[in-house]
Amino acid sequence: PIMGKAVSGAEGKPILGCDVWEHAYYLKYQNRRAD
């Protein structure tokens, strides 16, 4: 979001972020992003 809406589609000061790239969860959750 720091990049601004024109670049990232979002803007604002990040308070909390969660990585939803598959590499962040695949070993433990496989394709179960919701879990």
All heavy atoms as atom14 arrays in JSON, in Angstrom:
{
  "sequence": "PIMGKAVSGAEGKPILGCDVWEHAYYLKYQNRRAD",
  "atom14_mask": [
    [1, 1, 1, 1, 1, 1, 1, 0, 0, 0, 0, 0, 0, 0],
    [1, 1, 1, 1, 1, 1, 1, 1, 0, 0, 0, 0, 0, 0],
    [1, 1, 1, 1, 1, 1, 1, 1, 0, 0, 0, 0, 0, 0],
    [1, 1, 1, 1, 0, 0, 0, 0, 0, 0, 0, 0, 0, 0],
    [1, 1, 1, 1, 1, 1, 1, 1, 1, 0, 0, 0, 0, 0],
    [1, 1, 1, 1, 1, 0, 0, 0, 0, 0, 0, 0, 0, 0],
    [1, 1, 1, 1, 1, 1, 1, 0, 0, 0, 0, 0, 0, 0],
    [1, 1, 1, 1, 1, 1, 0, 0, 0, 0, 0, 0, 0, 0],
    [1, 1, 1, 1, 0, 0, 0, 0, 0, 0, 0, 0, 0, 0],
    [1, 1, 1, 1, 1, 0, 0, 0, 0, 0, 0, 0, 0, 0],
    [1, 1, 1, 1, 1, 1, 1, 1, 1, 0, 0, 0, 0, 0],
    [1, 1, 1, 1, 0, 0, 0, 0, 0, 0, 0, 0, 0, 0],
    [1, 1, 1, 1, 1, 1, 1, 1, 1, 0, 0, 0, 0, 0],
    [1, 1, 1, 1, 1, 1, 1, 0, 0, 0, 0, 0, 0, 0],
    [1, 1, 1, 1, 1, 1, 1, 1, 0, 0, 0, 0, 0, 0],
    [1, 1, 1, 1, 1, 1, 1, 1, 0, 0, 0, 0, 0, 0],
    [1, 1, 1, 1, 0, 0, 0, 0, 0, 0, 0, 0, 0, 0],
    [1, 1, 1, 1, 1, 1, 0, 0, 0, 0, 0, 0, 0, 0],
    [1, 1, 1, 1, 1, 1, 1, 1, 0, 0, 0, 0, 0, 0],
    [1, 1, 1, 1, 1, 1, 1, 0, 0, 0, 0, 0, 0, 0],
    [1, 1, 1, 1, 1, 1, 1, 1, 1, 1, 1, 1, 1, 1],
    [1, 1, 1, 1, 1, 1, 1, 1, 1, 0, 0, 0, 0, 0],
    [1, 1, 1, 1, 1, 1, 1, 1, 1, 1, 0, 0, 0, 0],
    [1, 1, 1, 1, 1, 0, 0, 0, 0, 0, 0, 0, 0, 0],
    [1, 1, 1, 1, 1, 1, 1, 1, 1, 1, 1, 1, 0, 0],
    [1, 1, 1, 1, 1, 1, 1, 1, 1, 1, 1, 1, 0, 0],
    [1, 1, 1, 1, 1, 1, 1, 1, 0, 0, 0, 0, 0, 0],
    [1, 1, 1, 1, 1, 1, 1, 1, 1, 0, 0, 0, 0, 0],
    [1, 1, 1, 1, 1, 1, 1, 1, 1, 1, 1, 1, 0, 0],
    [1, 1, 1, 1, 1, 1, 1, 1, 1, 0, 0, 0, 0, 0],
    [1, 1, 1, 1, 1, 1, 1, 1, 0, 0, 0, 0, 0, 0],
    [1, 1, 1, 1, 1, 1, 1, 1, 1, 1, 1, 0, 0, 0],
    [1, 1, 1, 1, 1, 1, 1, 1, 1, 1, 1, 0, 0, 0],
    [1, 1, 1, 1, 1, 0, 0, 0, 0, 0, 0, 0, 0, 0],
    [1, 1, 1, 1, 1, 1, 1, 1, 0, 0, 0, 0, 0, 0]
  ],
  "atom14_positions": [
    [[0.81, -1.22, 0.0], [0.0, 0.0, 0.0], [0.84, 1.27, 0.0], [0.37, 2.33, -0.43], [-0.83, -0.11, 1.28], [-0.88, -1.57, 1.58], [0.44, -2.1, 1.11], [0.0, 0.0, 0.0], [0.0, 0.0, 0.0], [0.0, 0.0, 0.0], [0.0, 0.0, 0.0], [0.0, 0.0, 0.0], [0.0, 0.0, 0.0], [0.0, 0.0, 0.0]],
    [[2.08, 1.18, 0.47], [2.95, 2.36, 0.49], [3.21, 2.88, -0.93], [3.45, 4.05, -1.14], [4.29, 2.03, 1.19], [4.05, 1.72, 2.66], [5.3, 3.16, 1.06], [5.25, 1.18, 3.4], [0.0, 0.0, 0.0], [0.0, 0.0, 0.0], [0.0, 0.0, 0.0], [0.0, 0.0, 0.0], [0.0, 0.0, 0.0], [0.0, 0.0, 0.0]],
    [[3.14, 1.99, -1.91], [3.42, 2.35, -3.3], [2.32, 3.24, -3.89], [2.53, 3.87, -4.92], [3.56, 1.09, -4.15], [4.71, 0.2, -3.69], [4.66, -1.45, -4.41], [5.34, -1.09, -6.02], [0.0, 0.0, 0.0], [0.0, 0.0, 0.0], [0.0, 0.0, 0.0], [0.0, 0.0, 0.0], [0.0, 0.0, 0.0], [0.0, 0.0, 0.0]],
    [[1.16, 3.27, -3.26], [0.06, 4.1, -3.73], [-0.89, 3.34, -4.63], [-0.57, 2.33, -5.23], [0.0, 0.0, 0.0], [0.0, 0.0, 0.0], [0.0, 0.0, 0.0], [0.0, 0.0, 0.0], [0.0, 0.0, 0.0], [0.0, 0.0, 0.0], [0.0, 0.0, 0.0], [0.0, 0.0, 0.0], [0.0, 0.0, 0.0], [0.0, 0.0, 0.0]],
    [[-2.09, 3.87, -4.71], [-3.17, 3.22, -5.44], [-2.87, 3.06, -6.93], [-3.22, 2.04, -7.52], [-4.46, 4.01, -5.25], [-5.68, 3.24, -5.64], [-6.94, 3.9, -5.09], [-8.04, 2.89, -5.17], [-8.8, 2.78, -3.98], [0.0, 0.0, 0.0], [0.0, 0.0, 0.0], [0.0, 0.0, 0.0], [0.0, 0.0, 0.0], [0.0, 0.0, 0.0]],
    [[-2.21, 4.03, -7.53], [-1.92, 3.95, -8.97], [-1.01, 2.78, -9.3], [-1.11, 2.19, -10.38], [-1.3, 5.25, -9.46], [0.0, 0.0, 0.0], [0.0, 0.0, 0.0], [0.0, 0.0, 0.0], [0.0, 0.0, 0.0], [0.0, 0.0, 0.0], [0.0, 0.0, 0.0], [0.0, 0.0, 0.0], [0.0, 0.0, 0.0], [0.0, 0.0, 0.0]],
    [[-0.14, 2.41, -8.38], [0.81, 1.32, -8.62], [0.28, -0.01, -8.08], [0.28, -1.02, -8.78], [2.19, 1.63, -7.99], [3.14, 0.46, -8.14], [2.78, 2.89, -8.61], [0.0, 0.0, 0.0], [0.0, 0.0, 0.0], [0.0, 0.0, 0.0], [0.0, 0.0, 0.0], [0.0, 0.0, 0.0], [0.0, 0.0, 0.0], [0.0, 0.0, 0.0]],
    [[-0.17, -0.02, -6.83], [-0.51, -1.29, -6.17], [-2.01, -1.56, -6.08], [-2.41, -2.66, -5.71], [0.08, -1.32, -4.76], [-0.61, -0.41, -3.92], [0.0, 0.0, 0.0], [0.0, 0.0, 0.0], [0.0, 0.0, 0.0], [0.0, 0.0, 0.0], [0.0, 0.0, 0.0], [0.0, 0.0, 0.0], [0.0, 0.0, 0.0], [0.0, 0.0, 0.0]],
    [[-2.82, -0.57, -6.37], [-4.26, -0.75, -6.22], [-4.76, -0.49, -4.81], [-5.94, -0.63, -4.53], [0.0, 0.0, 0.0], [0.0, 0.0, 0.0], [0.0, 0.0, 0.0], [0.0, 0.0, 0.0], [0.0, 0.0, 0.0], [0.0, 0.0, 0.0], [0.0, 0.0, 0.0], [0.0, 0.0, 0.0], [0.0, 0.0, 0.0], [0.0, 0.0, 0.0]],
    [[-3.84, -0.14, -3.92], [-4.2, 0.13, -2.53], [-3.31, 1.25, -2.02], [-2.24, 1.51, -2.58], [-4.01, -1.11, -1.68], [0.0, 0.0, 0.0], [0.0, 0.0, 0.0], [0.0, 0.0, 0.0], [0.0, 0.0, 0.0], [0.0, 0.0, 0.0], [0.0, 0.0, 0.0], [0.0, 0.0, 0.0], [0.0, 0.0, 0.0], [0.0, 0.0, 0.0]],
    [[-3.76, 1.92, -0.97], [-2.89, 2.91, -0.35], [-3.2, 3.03, 1.13], [-4.26, 2.65, 1.59], [-2.99, 4.26, -1.05], [-4.33, 4.94, -1.0], [-4.36, 6.2, -1.84], [-3.38, 6.97, -1.81], [-5.35, 6.41, -2.53], [0.0, 0.0, 0.0], [0.0, 0.0, 0.0], [0.0, 0.0, 0.0], [0.0, 0.0, 0.0], [0.0, 0.0, 0.0]],
    [[-2.21, 3.52, 1.85], [-2.34, 3.69, 3.28], [-1.09, 3.2, 3.97], [-0.17, 2.67, 3.34], [0.0, 0.0, 0.0], [0.0, 0.0, 0.0], [0.0, 0.0, 0.0], [0.0, 0.0, 0.0], [0.0, 0.0, 0.0], [0.0, 0.0, 0.0], [0.0, 0.0, 0.0], [0.0, 0.0, 0.0], [0.0, 0.0, 0.0], [0.0, 0.0, 0.0]],
    [[-1.06, 3.4, 5.27], [0.06, 2.94, 6.1], [-0.23, 1.52, 6.55], [-1.22, 1.26, 7.24], [0.21, 3.85, 7.31], [1.32, 3.4, 8.24], [1.36, 4.23, 9.49], [2.42, 3.66, 10.43], [2.26, 4.17, 11.77], [0.0, 0.0, 0.0], [0.0, 0.0, 0.0], [0.0, 0.0, 0.0], [0.0, 0.0, 0.0], [0.0, 0.0, 0.0]],
    [[0.62, 0.56, 6.19], [0.4, -0.82, 6.63], [0.52, -0.95, 8.15], [1.48, -0.48, 8.75], [1.52, -1.61, 5.94], [1.98, -0.74, 4.82], [1.76, 0.66, 5.28], [0.0, 0.0, 0.0], [0.0, 0.0, 0.0], [0.0, 0.0, 0.0], [0.0, 0.0, 0.0], [0.0, 0.0, 0.0], [0.0, 0.0, 0.0], [0.0, 0.0, 0.0]],
    [[-0.48, -1.57, 8.74], [-0.51, -1.83, 10.18], [-0.21, -3.31, 10.43], [0.5, -3.66, 11.35], [-1.9, -1.47, 10.76], [-2.3, -0.05, 10.42], [-1.94, -1.7, 12.26], [-1.37, 1.02, 10.92], [0.0, 0.0, 0.0], [0.0, 0.0, 0.0], [0.0, 0.0, 0.0], [0.0, 0.0, 0.0], [0.0, 0.0, 0.0], [0.0, 0.0, 0.0]],
    [[-0.78, -4.16, 9.59], [-0.64, -5.61, 9.7], [-0.68, -6.19, 8.29], [-1.53, -5.79, 7.49], [-1.79, -6.19, 10.52], [-1.92, -7.71, 10.6], [-0.75, -8.31, 11.38], [-3.25, -8.09, 11.26], [0.0, 0.0, 0.0], [0.0, 0.0, 0.0], [0.0, 0.0, 0.0], [0.0, 0.0, 0.0], [0.0, 0.0, 0.0], [0.0, 0.0, 0.0]],
    [[0.22, -7.1, 7.97], [0.23, -7.74, 6.67], [0.34, -9.24, 6.79], [0.98, -9.75, 7.71], [0.0, 0.0, 0.0], [0.0, 0.0, 0.0], [0.0, 0.0, 0.0], [0.0, 0.0, 0.0], [0.0, 0.0, 0.0], [0.0, 0.0, 0.0], [0.0, 0.0, 0.0], [0.0, 0.0, 0.0], [0.0, 0.0, 0.0], [0.0, 0.0, 0.0]],
    [[-0.28, -9.93, 5.86], [-0.19, -11.39, 5.8], [0.18, -11.78, 4.38], [-0.51, -11.43, 3.42], [-1.51, -12.03, 6.21], [-1.46, -13.84, 6.17], [0.0, 0.0, 0.0], [0.0, 0.0, 0.0], [0.0, 0.0, 0.0], [0.0, 0.0, 0.0], [0.0, 0.0, 0.0], [0.0, 0.0, 0.0], [0.0, 0.0, 0.0], [0.0, 0.0, 0.0]],
    [[1.27, -12.51, 4.27], [1.78, -13.0, 2.99], [0.89, -14.14, 2.51], [0.77, -15.16, 3.18], [3.21, -13.48, 3.23], [3.93, -13.96, 1.99], [3.3, -14.08, 0.92], [5.15, -14.22, 2.11], [0.0, 0.0, 0.0], [0.0, 0.0, 0.0], [0.0, 0.0, 0.0], [0.0, 0.0, 0.0], [0.0, 0.0, 0.0], [0.0, 0.0, 0.0]],
    [[0.25, -13.99, 1.36], [-0.57, -15.07, 0.82], [0.06, -15.68, -0.43], [-0.62, -16.33, -1.22], [-2.05, -14.64, 0.56], [-2.74, -14.33, 1.88], [-2.15, -13.49, -0.39], [0.0, 0.0, 0.0], [0.0, 0.0, 0.0], [0.0, 0.0, 0.0], [0.0, 0.0, 0.0], [0.0, 0.0, 0.0], [0.0, 0.0, 0.0], [0.0, 0.0, 0.0]],
    [[1.35, -15.47, -0.59], [2.09, -16.19, -1.63], [2.08, -17.66, -1.21], [2.26, -17.98, -0.04], [3.53, -15.71, -1.72], [3.74, -14.37, -2.32], [3.17, -13.19, -1.94], [4.63, -14.06, -3.39], [3.65, -12.17, -2.7], [4.55, -12.68, -3.61], [5.49, -14.82, -4.18], [5.29, -12.04, -4.59], [6.22, -14.17, -5.16], [6.11, -12.79, -5.35]],
    [[1.94, -18.54, -2.14], [1.88, -19.97, -1.83], [3.11, -20.44, -1.04], [3.0, -21.3, -0.18], [1.75, -20.76, -3.11], [1.36, -22.2, -2.89], [1.08, -22.91, -4.18], [2.05, -23.18, -4.93], [-0.09, -23.2, -4.44], [0.0, 0.0, 0.0], [0.0, 0.0, 0.0], [0.0, 0.0, 0.0], [0.0, 0.0, 0.0], [0.0, 0.0, 0.0]],
    [[4.27, -19.84, -1.3], [5.47, -20.29, -0.58], [5.37, -20.05, 0.92], [6.09, -20.66, 1.7], [6.74, -19.61, -1.14], [6.8, -18.13, -0.87], [6.85, -17.21, -1.88], [6.82, -17.41, 0.27], [6.91, -16.0, -1.36], [6.88, -16.11, -0.06], [0.0, 0.0, 0.0], [0.0, 0.0, 0.0], [0.0, 0.0, 0.0], [0.0, 0.0, 0.0]],
    [[4.5, -19.15, 1.35], [4.36, -18.83, 2.77], [3.67, -19.95, 3.54], [3.85, -20.07, 4.74], [3.58, -17.53, 2.95], [0.0, 0.0, 0.0], [0.0, 0.0, 0.0], [0.0, 0.0, 0.0], [0.0, 0.0, 0.0], [0.0, 0.0, 0.0], [0.0, 0.0, 0.0], [0.0, 0.0, 0.0], [0.0, 0.0, 0.0], [0.0, 0.0, 0.0]],
    [[2.89, -20.76, 2.85], [2.08, -21.75, 3.58], [2.09, -23.15, 2.99], [1.58, -24.08, 3.6], [0.64, -21.26, 3.7], [-0.07, -21.0, 2.4], [-0.74, -22.02, 1.72], [-0.09, -19.73, 1.84], [-1.39, -21.77, 0.53], [-0.74, -19.48, 0.66], [-1.4, -20.49, 0.0], [-2.04, -20.26, -1.18], [0.0, 0.0, 0.0], [0.0, 0.0, 0.0]],
    [[2.67, -23.36, 1.83], [2.5, -24.63, 1.13], [3.02, -25.84, 1.91], [2.37, -26.88, 1.94], [3.13, -24.61, -0.27], [2.73, -25.82, -1.06], [1.49, -25.85, -1.7], [3.54, -26.94, -1.12], [1.07, -26.97, -2.38], [3.12, -28.07, -1.8], [1.9, -28.08, -2.44], [1.49, -29.19, -3.11], [0.0, 0.0, 0.0], [0.0, 0.0, 0.0]],
    [[4.17, -25.74, 2.54], [4.73, -26.91, 3.23], [3.81, -27.43, 4.33], [3.7, -28.64, 4.54], [6.11, -26.6, 3.81], [7.21, -26.45, 2.78], [8.53, -26.09, 3.47], [7.38, -27.72, 1.96], [0.0, 0.0, 0.0], [0.0, 0.0, 0.0], [0.0, 0.0, 0.0], [0.0, 0.0, 0.0], [0.0, 0.0, 0.0], [0.0, 0.0, 0.0]],
    [[3.12, -26.54, 5.01], [2.24, -26.96, 6.1], [0.79, -27.12, 5.66], [0.09, -28.0, 6.14], [2.32, -25.96, 7.26], [1.58, -26.42, 8.49], [1.92, -25.6, 9.7], [1.25, -26.16, 10.92], [1.59, -25.43, 12.11], [0.0, 0.0, 0.0], [0.0, 0.0, 0.0], [0.0, 0.0, 0.0], [0.0, 0.0, 0.0], [0.0, 0.0, 0.0]],
    [[0.33, -26.26, 4.74], [-1.09, -26.22, 4.4], [-1.4, -26.63, 2.96], [-2.56, -26.64, 2.58], [-1.65, -24.81, 4.66], [-1.61, -24.44, 6.11], [-0.55, -23.7, 6.63], [-2.61, -24.86, 6.98], [-0.5, -23.38, 7.98], [-2.56, -24.55, 8.33], [-1.51, -23.81, 8.81], [-1.46, -23.5, 10.15], [0.0, 0.0, 0.0], [0.0, 0.0, 0.0]],
    [[-0.39, -26.97, 2.16], [-0.55, -27.29, 0.75], [-1.39, -26.19, 0.07], [-1.01, -25.05, 0.14], [-1.14, -28.69, 0.53], [-0.17, -29.8, 0.88], [-0.04, -30.04, 2.37], [-1.03, -30.05, 3.09], [1.18, -30.21, 2.84], [0.0, 0.0, 0.0], [0.0, 0.0, 0.0], [0.0, 0.0, 0.0], [0.0, 0.0, 0.0], [0.0, 0.0, 0.0]],
    [[-2.5, -26.52, -0.53], [-3.29, -25.51, -1.22], [-4.45, -24.98, -0.36], [-5.37, -24.36, -0.88], [-3.85, -26.09, -2.53], [-4.78, -27.26, -2.29], [-4.85, -27.79, -1.2], [-5.5, -27.66, -3.32], [0.0, 0.0, 0.0], [0.0, 0.0, 0.0], [0.0, 0.0, 0.0], [0.0, 0.0, 0.0], [0.0, 0.0, 0.0], [0.0, 0.0, 0.0]],
    [[-4.37, -25.16, 0.95], [-5.45, -24.75, 1.85], [-5.19, -23.35, 2.43], [-4.92, -23.19, 3.61], [-5.64, -25.79, 2.95], [-6.03, -27.16, 2.42], [-6.32, -28.18, 3.51], [-5.37, -28.16, 4.62], [-4.22, -28.85, 4.66], [-3.86, -29.61, 3.65], [-3.44, -28.77, 5.72], [0.0, 0.0, 0.0], [0.0, 0.0, 0.0], [0.0, 0.0, 0.0]],
    [[-5.28, -22.35, 1.58], [-5.02, -20.97, 2.0], [-5.96, -20.55, 3.13], [-5.57, -19.83, 4.04], [-5.14, -20.01, 0.82], [-4.73, -18.59, 1.16], [-4.92, -17.62, 0.03], [-3.9, -17.76, -0.97], [-3.79, -16.95, -2.03], [-4.65, -15.96, -2.2], [-2.84, -17.14, -2.91], [0.0, 0.0, 0.0], [0.0, 0.0, 0.0], [0.0, 0.0, 0.0]],
    [[-7.21, -20.99, 3.07], [-8.17, -20.61, 4.12], [-7.72, -21.1, 5.49], [-7.82, -20.37, 6.49], [-9.55, -21.16, 3.78], [0.0, 0.0, 0.0], [0.0, 0.0, 0.0], [0.0, 0.0, 0.0], [0.0, 0.0, 0.0], [0.0, 0.0, 0.0], [0.0, 0.0, 0.0], [0.0, 0.0, 0.0], [0.0, 0.0, 0.0], [0.0, 0.0, 0.0]],
    [[-7.2, -22.32, 5.56], [-6.71, -22.85, 6.84], [-5.51, -22.04, 7.33], [-5.38, -21.76, 8.52], [-6.32, -24.32, 6.71], [-7.5, -25.23, 6.47], [-8.66, -24.79, 6.66], [-7.28, -26.39, 6.08], [0.0, 0.0, 0.0], [0.0, 0.0, 0.0], [0.0, 0.0, 0.0], [0.0, 0.0, 0.0], [0.0, 0.0, 0.0], [0.0, 0.0, 0.0]]
  ]
}
